[in-house]
């Protein structure tokens, strides 16, 4: 139940953020819905990748400078948390809505 709530809240927050951006830039929400979702997901992905990379650089520096094992170097593995699941579901739903909205242009 708690994970479902986090997924739904993530999708609502992302929708609200994109809605505010559409108001600020005076764009139609449907124009930025899908690409905005992809950009937000990409920012999260790069943040997680960067933090793993920084930890690996620090651990390699400690090992090279002092010879002590602080931690092992870890491979970056993207884990599916409730927040990332909400972001992915938002991307899928926004893609479906965008295709439905612009269906006449695809034919």
C-alpha atoms as a PDB file:
ATOM      1  CA  UNK A   1       0.000   0.000   0.000  1.00  0.00           C
ATOM      2  CA  UNK A   2       2.825   2.386   0.878  1.00  0.00           C
ATOM      3  CA  UNK A   3       4.663   1.657  -2.384  1.00  0.00           C
ATOM      4  CA  UNK A   4       1.505   2.216  -4.391  1.00  0.00           C
ATOM      5  CA  UNK A   5       1.026   5.573  -2.687  1.00  0.00           C
ATOM      6  CA  UNK A   6       4.611   6.568  -3.510  1.00  0.00           C
ATOM      7  CA  UNK A   7       4.121   5.582  -7.169  1.00  0.00           C
ATOM      8  CA  UNK A   8       0.896   7.601  -7.427  1.00  0.00           C
ATOM      9  CA  UNK A   9       2.410  10.615  -5.644  1.00  0.00           C
ATOM     10  CA  UNK A  10       5.422  10.508  -7.954  1.00  0.00           C
ATOM     11  CA  UNK A  11       3.156  10.585 -10.983  1.00  0.00           C
ATOM     12  CA  UNK A  12       1.064  13.436  -9.517  1.00  0.00           C
ATOM     13  CA  UNK A  13       4.139  15.501  -8.641  1.00  0.00           C
ATOM     14  CA  UNK A  14       5.581  14.983 -12.102  1.00  0.00           C
ATOM     15  CA  UNK A  15       2.271  15.976 -13.696  1.00  0.00           C
ATOM     16  CA  UNK A  16       2.088  19.084 -11.509  1.00  0.00           C
ATOM     17  CA  UNK A  17       5.653  20.062 -12.329  1.00  0.00           C
ATOM     18  CA  UNK A  18       5.072  19.719 -16.054  1.00  0.00           C
ATOM     19  CA  UNK A  19       1.761  21.553 -15.793  1.00  0.00           C
ATOM     20  CA  UNK A  20       3.481  24.488 -14.053  1.00  0.00           C
ATOM     21  CA  UNK A  21       6.170  24.510 -16.752  1.00  0.00           C
ATOM     22  CA  UNK A  22       3.507  24.541 -19.451  1.00  0.00           C
ATOM     23  CA  UNK A  23       1.871  27.551 -17.790  1.00  0.00           C
ATOM     24  CA  UNK A  24       5.173  29.414 -17.393  1.00  0.00           C
ATOM     25  CA  UNK A  25       6.235  28.888 -21.020  1.00  0.00           C
ATOM     26  CA  UNK A  26       2.645  29.157 -22.356  1.00  0.00           C
ATOM     27  CA  UNK A  27       2.792  25.740 -24.020  1.00  0.00           C
ATOM     28  CA  UNK A  28       0.103  23.142 -24.360  1.00  0.00           C
ATOM     29  CA  UNK A  29       0.524  20.447 -21.687  1.00  0.00           C
ATOM     30  CA  UNK A  30       0.228  17.706 -24.282  1.00  0.00           C
ATOM     31  CA  UNK A  31       3.254  19.106 -26.114  1.00  0.00           C
ATOM     32  CA  UNK A  32       5.618  18.602 -23.189  1.00  0.00           C
ATOM     33  CA  UNK A  33       4.034  15.685 -21.364  1.00  0.00           C
ATOM     34  CA  UNK A  34       5.998  12.807 -22.897  1.00  0.00           C
ATOM     35  CA  UNK A  35       9.325  14.546 -23.464  1.00  0.00           C
ATOM     36  CA  UNK A  36       9.182  16.169 -20.035  1.00  0.00           C
ATOM     37  CA  UNK A  37       8.680  12.752 -18.452  1.00  0.00           C
ATOM     38  CA  UNK A  38      11.658  11.358 -20.352  1.00  0.00           C
ATOM     39  CA  UNK A  39      13.829  14.320 -19.318  1.00  0.00           C
ATOM     40  CA  UNK A  40      12.906  13.947 -15.644  1.00  0.00           C
ATOM     41  CA  UNK A  41      13.663  10.213 -15.809  1.00  0.00           C
ATOM     42  CA  UNK A  42      16.994  10.927 -17.528  1.00  0.00           C
ATOM     43  CA  UNK A  43      17.950  13.424 -14.821  1.00  0.00           C
ATOM     44  CA  UNK A  44      17.264  10.811 -12.140  1.00  0.00           C
ATOM     45  CA  UNK A  45      19.208   8.181 -14.082  1.00  0.00           C
ATOM     46  CA  UNK A  46      22.226  10.485 -14.485  1.00  0.00           C
ATOM     47  CA  UNK A  47      22.121  11.486 -10.815  1.00  0.00           C
ATOM     48  CA  UNK A  48      22.190   7.849  -9.686  1.00  0.00           C
ATOM     49  CA  UNK A  49      24.957   7.027 -12.163  1.00  0.00           C
ATOM     50  CA  UNK A  50      26.999  10.034 -11.064  1.00  0.00           C
ATOM     51  CA  UNK A  51      26.736   9.167  -7.375  1.00  0.00           C
ATOM     52  CA  UNK A  52      27.919   5.599  -8.032  1.00  0.00           C
ATOM     53  CA  UNK A  53      30.778   6.924 -10.148  1.00  0.00           C
ATOM     54  CA  UNK A  54      31.824   9.413  -7.442  1.00  0.00           C
ATOM     55  CA  UNK A  55      31.811   6.706  -4.768  1.00  0.00           C
ATOM     56  CA  UNK A  56      33.916   4.455  -6.979  1.00  0.00           C
ATOM     57  CA  UNK A  57      36.436   7.230  -7.614  1.00  0.00           C
ATOM     58  CA  UNK A  58      36.681   7.967  -3.898  1.00  0.00           C
ATOM     59  CA  UNK A  59      37.152   4.292  -3.007  1.00  0.00           C
ATOM     60  CA  UNK A  60      39.800   3.857  -5.717  1.00  0.00           C
ATOM     61  CA  UNK A  61      41.621   6.951  -4.432  1.00  0.00           C
ATOM     62  CA  UNK A  62      41.611   5.634  -0.871  1.00  0.00           C
ATOM     63  CA  UNK A  63      42.848   2.232  -2.046  1.00  0.00           C
ATOM     64  CA  UNK A  64      45.564   3.766  -4.230  1.00  0.00           C
ATOM     65  CA  UNK A  65      46.707   6.359  -1.703  1.00  0.00           C
ATOM     66  CA  UNK A  66      46.656   4.383   1.533  1.00  0.00           C
ATOM     67  CA  UNK A  67      46.362   0.764   0.464  1.00  0.00           C
ATOM     68  CA  UNK A  68      43.335   0.291   2.717  1.00  0.00           C
ATOM     69  CA  UNK A  69      40.179  -1.338   1.506  1.00  0.00           C
ATOM     70  CA  UNK A  70      37.407   1.152   2.193  1.00  0.00           C
ATOM     71  CA  UNK A  71      34.767  -0.464  -0.012  1.00  0.00           C
ATOM     72  CA  UNK A  72      34.755  -2.483  -3.168  1.00  0.00           C
ATOM     73  CA  UNK A  73      34.112  -0.803  -6.475  1.00  0.00           C
ATOM     74  CA  UNK A  74      30.498  -1.376  -7.478  1.00  0.00           C
ATOM     75  CA  UNK A  75      28.950  -1.694 -10.893  1.00  0.00           C
ATOM     76  CA  UNK A  76      26.146   0.694 -11.643  1.00  0.00           C
ATOM     77  CA  UNK A  77      22.866  -1.194 -11.511  1.00  0.00           C
ATOM     78  CA  UNK A  78      19.646   0.668 -11.928  1.00  0.00           C
ATOM     79  CA  UNK A  79      17.178  -0.507  -9.309  1.00  0.00           C
ATOM     80  CA  UNK A  80      13.444  -0.243  -9.733  1.00  0.00           C
ATOM     81  CA  UNK A  81      12.252   1.689  -6.688  1.00  0.00           C
ATOM     82  CA  UNK A  82       8.687   3.006  -6.300  1.00  0.00           C
ATOM     83  CA  UNK A  83       9.826   6.430  -7.492  1.00  0.00           C
ATOM     84  CA  UNK A  84      11.458   5.105 -10.663  1.00  0.00           C
ATOM     85  CA  UNK A  85       8.442   2.872 -11.253  1.00  0.00           C
ATOM     86  CA  UNK A  86       6.208   5.955 -11.009  1.00  0.00           C
ATOM     87  CA  UNK A  87       8.416   7.795 -13.487  1.00  0.00           C
ATOM     88  CA  UNK A  88       8.361   4.878 -15.931  1.00  0.00           C
ATOM     89  CA  UNK A  89       4.586   4.492 -15.622  1.00  0.00           C
ATOM     90  CA  UNK A  90       4.217   8.219 -16.239  1.00  0.00           C
ATOM     91  CA  UNK A  91       6.291   7.921 -19.419  1.00  0.00           C
ATOM     92  CA  UNK A  92       4.185   5.011 -20.677  1.00  0.00           C
ATOM     93  CA  UNK A  93       0.882   6.732 -19.859  1.00  0.00           C
ATOM     94  CA  UNK A  94       1.994  10.041 -21.341  1.00  0.00           C
ATOM     95  CA  UNK A  95       3.118   8.259 -24.518  1.00  0.00           C
ATOM     96  CA  UNK A  96      -0.308   6.619 -24.785  1.00  0.00           C
ATOM     97  CA  UNK A  97      -2.052   9.955 -24.185  1.00  0.00           C
ATOM     98  CA  UNK A  98       0.145  11.731 -26.710  1.00  0.00           C
ATOM     99  CA  UNK A  99      -0.473   9.106 -29.393  1.00  0.00           C
ATOM    100  CA  UNK A 100      -4.215   9.223 -28.686  1.00  0.00           C
ATOM    101  CA  UNK A 101      -4.261  13.042 -28.729  1.00  0.00           C
ATOM    102  CA  UNK A 102      -2.272  13.326 -31.972  1.00  0.00           C
ATOM    103  CA  UNK A 103      -3.767  10.225 -33.610  1.00  0.00           C
ATOM    104  CA  UNK A 104      -4.951  12.169 -36.666  1.00  0.00           C
ATOM    105  CA  UNK A 105      -1.378  13.290 -37.395  1.00  0.00           C
ATOM    106  CA  UNK A 106      -0.041   9.721 -37.342  1.00  0.00           C
ATOM    107  CA  UNK A 107      -2.373   8.518 -40.087  1.00  0.00           C
END
